[in-house]
Amino acid sequence: MIIGTWPEDYRGPIVIRGYHGETYEELIGAFHEDALLMLGQGFEPASQHYVEGEWAVSRAIAATILLPFLVGFLFWAQMLVHRPIGSLTVTYVHHDRRAV
């Protein structure tokens, strides 16, 4: 799923797009599909930046408070096993194929 494009009107030689997904595979799949569409418009990926997802502090506090009731251990185990999905930012550069 695309979370943003700058500039929104695709004018100029550089376009920056952000991607996010429910799973890492979904995030990469969205990037691959979009990269093919962008390539058809003359844009090629120039750089990529992935930022690892983070758990909310409130979730960690709630899990810690629930530790005496043993439910907190389940929350902590789930948080340690399933890392949150981050976001991918890709910079596309427009190449004029006629200039080659």
N, C-alpha and C. Protein backbone atom coordinates (compact mmCIF):
# COMPACT_ATOMS: atom_id res chain seq x y z
N MET A 1 0.84 -1.16 0.00
CA MET A 1 0.00 0.00 0.00
C MET A 1 0.90 1.24 0.00
N ILE A 2 0.61 2.18 -0.86
CA ILE A 2 1.37 3.42 -0.95
C ILE A 2 0.84 4.39 0.10
N ILE A 3 1.74 4.98 0.89
CA ILE A 3 1.30 5.89 1.93
C ILE A 3 1.52 7.35 1.58
N GLY A 4 2.19 7.62 0.49
CA GLY A 4 2.38 9.01 0.11
C GLY A 4 3.27 9.17 -1.09
N THR A 5 3.09 10.29 -1.79
CA THR A 5 3.90 10.63 -2.96
C THR A 5 4.23 12.11 -2.88
N TRP A 6 5.47 12.43 -3.17
CA TRP A 6 5.88 13.83 -3.21
C TRP A 6 6.74 14.07 -4.44
N PRO A 7 6.51 15.02 -5.26
CA PRO A 7 5.30 15.85 -5.33
C PRO A 7 4.14 15.02 -5.86
N GLU A 8 2.94 15.40 -5.47
CA GLU A 8 1.76 14.62 -5.81
C GLU A 8 1.42 14.63 -7.29
N ASP A 9 1.86 15.63 -8.02
CA ASP A 9 1.52 15.72 -9.45
C ASP A 9 2.57 15.11 -10.36
N TYR A 10 3.61 14.48 -9.82
CA TYR A 10 4.66 13.80 -10.59
C TYR A 10 5.42 14.75 -11.51
N ARG A 11 5.42 16.04 -11.22
CA ARG A 11 6.17 16.97 -12.06
C ARG A 11 7.57 17.12 -11.51
N GLY A 12 8.52 17.12 -12.40
CA GLY A 12 9.90 17.24 -11.99
C GLY A 12 10.64 15.93 -12.21
N PRO A 13 11.95 15.99 -12.09
CA PRO A 13 12.76 14.81 -12.38
C PRO A 13 12.83 13.80 -11.23
N ILE A 14 12.36 14.18 -10.03
CA ILE A 14 12.47 13.30 -8.87
C ILE A 14 11.10 13.15 -8.21
N VAL A 15 10.73 11.90 -7.89
CA VAL A 15 9.50 11.60 -7.17
C VAL A 15 9.86 10.70 -6.00
N ILE A 16 9.32 11.00 -4.83
CA ILE A 16 9.56 10.20 -3.63
C ILE A 16 8.25 9.54 -3.23
N ARG A 17 8.29 8.21 -3.02
CA ARG A 17 7.08 7.48 -2.65
C ARG A 17 7.34 6.68 -1.38
N GLY A 18 6.31 6.59 -0.55
CA GLY A 18 6.39 5.82 0.69
C GLY A 18 5.48 4.61 0.62
N TYR A 19 5.91 3.50 1.20
CA TYR A 19 5.15 2.25 1.16
C TYR A 19 5.03 1.69 2.58
N HIS A 20 3.89 1.03 2.83
CA HIS A 20 3.65 0.37 4.10
C HIS A 20 2.74 -0.82 3.84
N GLY A 21 2.85 -1.84 4.67
CA GLY A 21 2.01 -3.01 4.50
C GLY A 21 1.77 -3.71 5.82
N GLU A 22 0.81 -4.64 5.82
CA GLU A 22 0.52 -5.42 7.02
C GLU A 22 1.64 -6.43 7.31
N THR A 23 2.28 -6.91 6.25
CA THR A 23 3.42 -7.83 6.39
C THR A 23 4.57 -7.28 5.56
N TYR A 24 5.77 -7.79 5.83
CA TYR A 24 6.94 -7.35 5.08
C TYR A 24 6.79 -7.76 3.61
N GLU A 25 6.24 -8.93 3.37
CA GLU A 25 6.04 -9.40 1.99
C GLU A 25 5.07 -8.51 1.24
N GLU A 26 4.02 -8.05 1.93
CA GLU A 26 3.06 -7.13 1.30
C GLU A 26 3.71 -5.80 0.96
N LEU A 27 4.55 -5.32 1.86
CA LEU A 27 5.27 -4.06 1.63
C LEU A 27 6.16 -4.17 0.40
N ILE A 28 6.95 -5.24 0.32
CA ILE A 28 7.85 -5.44 -0.83
C ILE A 28 7.05 -5.68 -2.10
N GLY A 29 5.94 -6.41 -2.00
CA GLY A 29 5.09 -6.63 -3.18
C GLY A 29 4.53 -5.33 -3.72
N ALA A 30 4.08 -4.44 -2.81
CA ALA A 30 3.56 -3.13 -3.24
C ALA A 30 4.65 -2.33 -3.94
N PHE A 31 5.87 -2.38 -3.40
CA PHE A 31 6.98 -1.67 -4.03
C PHE A 31 7.26 -2.23 -5.43
N HIS A 32 7.32 -3.54 -5.57
CA HIS A 32 7.64 -4.15 -6.87
C HIS A 32 6.58 -3.81 -7.92
N GLU A 33 5.30 -3.90 -7.53
CA GLU A 33 4.23 -3.58 -8.48
C GLU A 33 4.31 -2.11 -8.90
N ASP A 34 4.52 -1.24 -7.93
CA ASP A 34 4.57 0.19 -8.22
C ASP A 34 5.82 0.55 -9.02
N ALA A 35 6.93 -0.13 -8.74
CA ALA A 35 8.16 0.16 -9.48
C ALA A 35 7.98 -0.14 -10.96
N LEU A 36 7.24 -1.19 -11.28
CA LEU A 36 6.98 -1.50 -12.69
C LEU A 36 6.11 -0.44 -13.35
N LEU A 37 5.10 0.05 -12.61
CA LEU A 37 4.25 1.12 -13.14
C LEU A 37 5.06 2.41 -13.33
N MET A 38 5.90 2.72 -12.37
CA MET A 38 6.73 3.92 -12.46
C MET A 38 7.73 3.81 -13.60
N LEU A 39 8.26 2.61 -13.83
CA LEU A 39 9.20 2.40 -14.93
C LEU A 39 8.52 2.67 -16.27
N GLY A 40 7.25 2.31 -16.37
CA GLY A 40 6.49 2.58 -17.58
C GLY A 40 6.31 4.07 -17.83
N GLN A 41 6.39 4.89 -16.78
CA GLN A 41 6.28 6.34 -16.90
C GLN A 41 7.65 7.01 -17.03
N GLY A 42 8.71 6.21 -17.07
CA GLY A 42 10.06 6.76 -17.25
C GLY A 42 10.81 7.01 -15.96
N PHE A 43 10.28 6.56 -14.82
CA PHE A 43 10.96 6.74 -13.53
C PHE A 43 11.64 5.45 -13.11
N GLU A 44 12.89 5.56 -12.65
CA GLU A 44 13.62 4.40 -12.17
C GLU A 44 13.99 4.62 -10.70
N PRO A 45 13.95 3.55 -9.88
CA PRO A 45 14.34 3.70 -8.47
C PRO A 45 15.81 4.09 -8.36
N ALA A 46 16.08 5.14 -7.61
CA ALA A 46 17.45 5.59 -7.42
C ALA A 46 17.98 5.23 -6.04
N SER A 47 17.09 5.27 -5.03
CA SER A 47 17.52 4.90 -3.68
C SER A 47 16.32 4.40 -2.89
N GLN A 48 16.61 3.60 -1.86
CA GLN A 48 15.59 3.05 -0.99
C GLN A 48 16.03 3.23 0.45
N HIS A 49 15.05 3.46 1.33
CA HIS A 49 15.36 3.61 2.75
C HIS A 49 14.25 2.92 3.54
N TYR A 50 14.62 1.88 4.30
CA TYR A 50 13.65 1.14 5.11
C TYR A 50 13.85 1.52 6.58
N VAL A 51 12.76 1.89 7.24
CA VAL A 51 12.79 2.23 8.66
C VAL A 51 12.03 1.14 9.41
N GLU A 52 12.71 0.48 10.33
CA GLU A 52 12.10 -0.59 11.12
C GLU A 52 10.96 -0.05 11.97
N GLY A 53 9.88 -0.80 12.07
CA GLY A 53 8.74 -0.39 12.88
C GLY A 53 9.04 -0.50 14.37
N GLU A 54 8.29 0.23 15.16
CA GLU A 54 8.48 0.22 16.62
C GLU A 54 7.15 0.01 17.30
N TRP A 55 7.20 -0.67 18.45
CA TRP A 55 6.00 -0.83 19.26
C TRP A 55 5.71 0.46 20.00
N ALA A 56 4.46 0.72 20.27
CA ALA A 56 4.07 1.88 21.05
C ALA A 56 4.51 1.67 22.50
N VAL A 57 4.93 2.72 23.14
CA VAL A 57 5.36 2.65 24.53
C VAL A 57 4.21 2.20 25.42
N SER A 58 3.00 2.63 25.10
CA SER A 58 1.83 2.26 25.91
C SER A 58 1.62 0.75 25.91
N ARG A 59 1.93 0.09 24.81
CA ARG A 59 1.78 -1.37 24.74
C ARG A 59 2.78 -2.06 25.66
N ALA A 60 4.02 -1.57 25.69
CA ALA A 60 5.04 -2.14 26.57
C ALA A 60 4.69 -1.90 28.03
N ILE A 61 4.16 -0.73 28.35
CA ILE A 61 3.76 -0.43 29.73
C ILE A 61 2.61 -1.33 30.16
N ALA A 62 1.64 -1.51 29.28
CA ALA A 62 0.50 -2.39 29.60
C ALA A 62 0.97 -3.82 29.83
N ALA A 63 1.88 -4.31 28.99
CA ALA A 63 2.40 -5.66 29.15
C ALA A 63 3.15 -5.80 30.47
N THR A 64 3.90 -4.78 30.86
CA THR A 64 4.65 -4.81 32.11
C THR A 64 3.71 -4.79 33.31
N ILE A 65 2.67 -3.99 33.25
CA ILE A 65 1.70 -3.93 34.35
C ILE A 65 0.98 -5.26 34.51
N LEU A 66 0.75 -5.96 33.41
CA LEU A 66 0.03 -7.23 33.47
C LEU A 66 0.92 -8.43 33.79
N LEU A 67 2.23 -8.22 33.97
CA LEU A 67 3.13 -9.33 34.29
C LEU A 67 2.72 -10.11 35.54
N PRO A 68 2.31 -9.46 36.64
CA PRO A 68 1.91 -10.25 37.81
C PRO A 68 0.72 -11.16 37.56
N PHE A 69 -0.09 -10.86 36.56
CA PHE A 69 -1.25 -11.68 36.24
C PHE A 69 -0.95 -12.73 35.17
N LEU A 70 0.30 -12.85 34.79
CA LEU A 70 0.81 -13.80 33.79
C LEU A 70 0.34 -13.50 32.37
N VAL A 71 -0.60 -12.61 32.19
CA VAL A 71 -1.03 -12.23 30.85
C VAL A 71 0.05 -11.38 30.18
N GLY A 72 0.78 -10.62 30.99
CA GLY A 72 1.85 -9.78 30.46
C GLY A 72 2.92 -10.57 29.75
N PHE A 73 3.20 -11.81 30.22
CA PHE A 73 4.19 -12.66 29.56
C PHE A 73 3.76 -12.98 28.13
N LEU A 74 2.46 -13.21 27.95
CA LEU A 74 1.95 -13.48 26.59
C LEU A 74 2.11 -12.26 25.69
N PHE A 75 1.80 -11.09 26.25
CA PHE A 75 1.97 -9.86 25.47
C PHE A 75 3.43 -9.64 25.10
N TRP A 76 4.33 -9.81 26.08
CA TRP A 76 5.76 -9.63 25.79
C TRP A 76 6.26 -10.65 24.77
N ALA A 77 5.82 -11.90 24.90
CA ALA A 77 6.23 -12.94 23.95
C ALA A 77 5.77 -12.59 22.54
N GLN A 78 4.53 -12.13 22.43
CA GLN A 78 4.01 -11.76 21.11
C GLN A 78 4.78 -10.58 20.54
N MET A 79 5.13 -9.62 21.39
CA MET A 79 5.88 -8.45 20.92
C MET A 79 7.29 -8.83 20.48
N LEU A 80 7.90 -9.80 21.16
CA LEU A 80 9.26 -10.20 20.80
C LEU A 80 9.30 -11.06 19.55
N VAL A 81 8.26 -11.86 19.33
CA VAL A 81 8.24 -12.76 18.18
C VAL A 81 7.82 -12.03 16.91
N HIS A 82 6.81 -11.18 16.99
CA HIS A 82 6.27 -10.49 15.81
C HIS A 82 6.65 -9.01 15.84
N ARG A 83 7.72 -8.69 15.12
CA ARG A 83 8.16 -7.30 15.05
C ARG A 83 7.19 -6.50 14.18
N PRO A 84 6.95 -5.24 14.54
CA PRO A 84 6.07 -4.41 13.71
C PRO A 84 6.74 -4.10 12.36
N ILE A 85 5.90 -3.97 11.34
CA ILE A 85 6.40 -3.69 10.00
C ILE A 85 6.74 -2.21 9.91
N GLY A 86 7.85 -1.92 9.29
CA GLY A 86 8.28 -0.54 9.13
C GLY A 86 7.73 0.07 7.85
N SER A 87 8.42 1.08 7.37
CA SER A 87 8.00 1.75 6.13
C SER A 87 9.20 1.86 5.20
N LEU A 88 8.90 1.84 3.92
CA LEU A 88 9.92 1.91 2.88
C LEU A 88 9.72 3.20 2.10
N THR A 89 10.78 3.97 1.95
CA THR A 89 10.74 5.20 1.15
C THR A 89 11.66 5.01 -0.04
N VAL A 90 11.13 5.26 -1.23
CA VAL A 90 11.90 5.07 -2.46
C VAL A 90 11.94 6.38 -3.23
N THR A 91 13.12 6.74 -3.70
CA THR A 91 13.30 7.92 -4.55
C THR A 91 13.42 7.45 -5.99
N TYR A 92 12.56 7.97 -6.83
CA TYR A 92 12.56 7.65 -8.26
C TYR A 92 13.11 8.84 -9.03
N VAL A 93 13.89 8.55 -10.06
CA VAL A 93 14.46 9.59 -10.92
C VAL A 93 13.94 9.36 -12.33
N HIS A 94 13.50 10.44 -12.96
CA HIS A 94 12.97 10.34 -14.33
C HIS A 94 14.13 10.38 -15.32
N HIS A 95 14.14 9.41 -16.22
CA HIS A 95 15.17 9.35 -17.26
C HIS A 95 14.47 9.51 -18.61
N ASP A 96 14.94 10.47 -19.38
CA ASP A 96 14.40 10.70 -20.71
C ASP A 96 15.07 9.71 -21.66
N ARG A 97 14.33 8.75 -22.12
CA ARG A 97 14.89 7.69 -22.98
C ARG A 97 15.28 8.22 -24.37
N ARG A 98 14.72 9.35 -24.78
CA ARG A 98 15.05 9.90 -26.09
C ARG A 98 16.47 10.48 -26.11
N ALA A 99 17.01 10.83 -24.93
CA ALA A 99 18.32 11.46 -24.89
C ALA A 99 19.45 10.47 -25.09
N VAL A 100 19.14 9.16 -25.05
CA VAL A 100 20.19 8.15 -25.15
C VAL A 100 20.58 7.94 -26.59
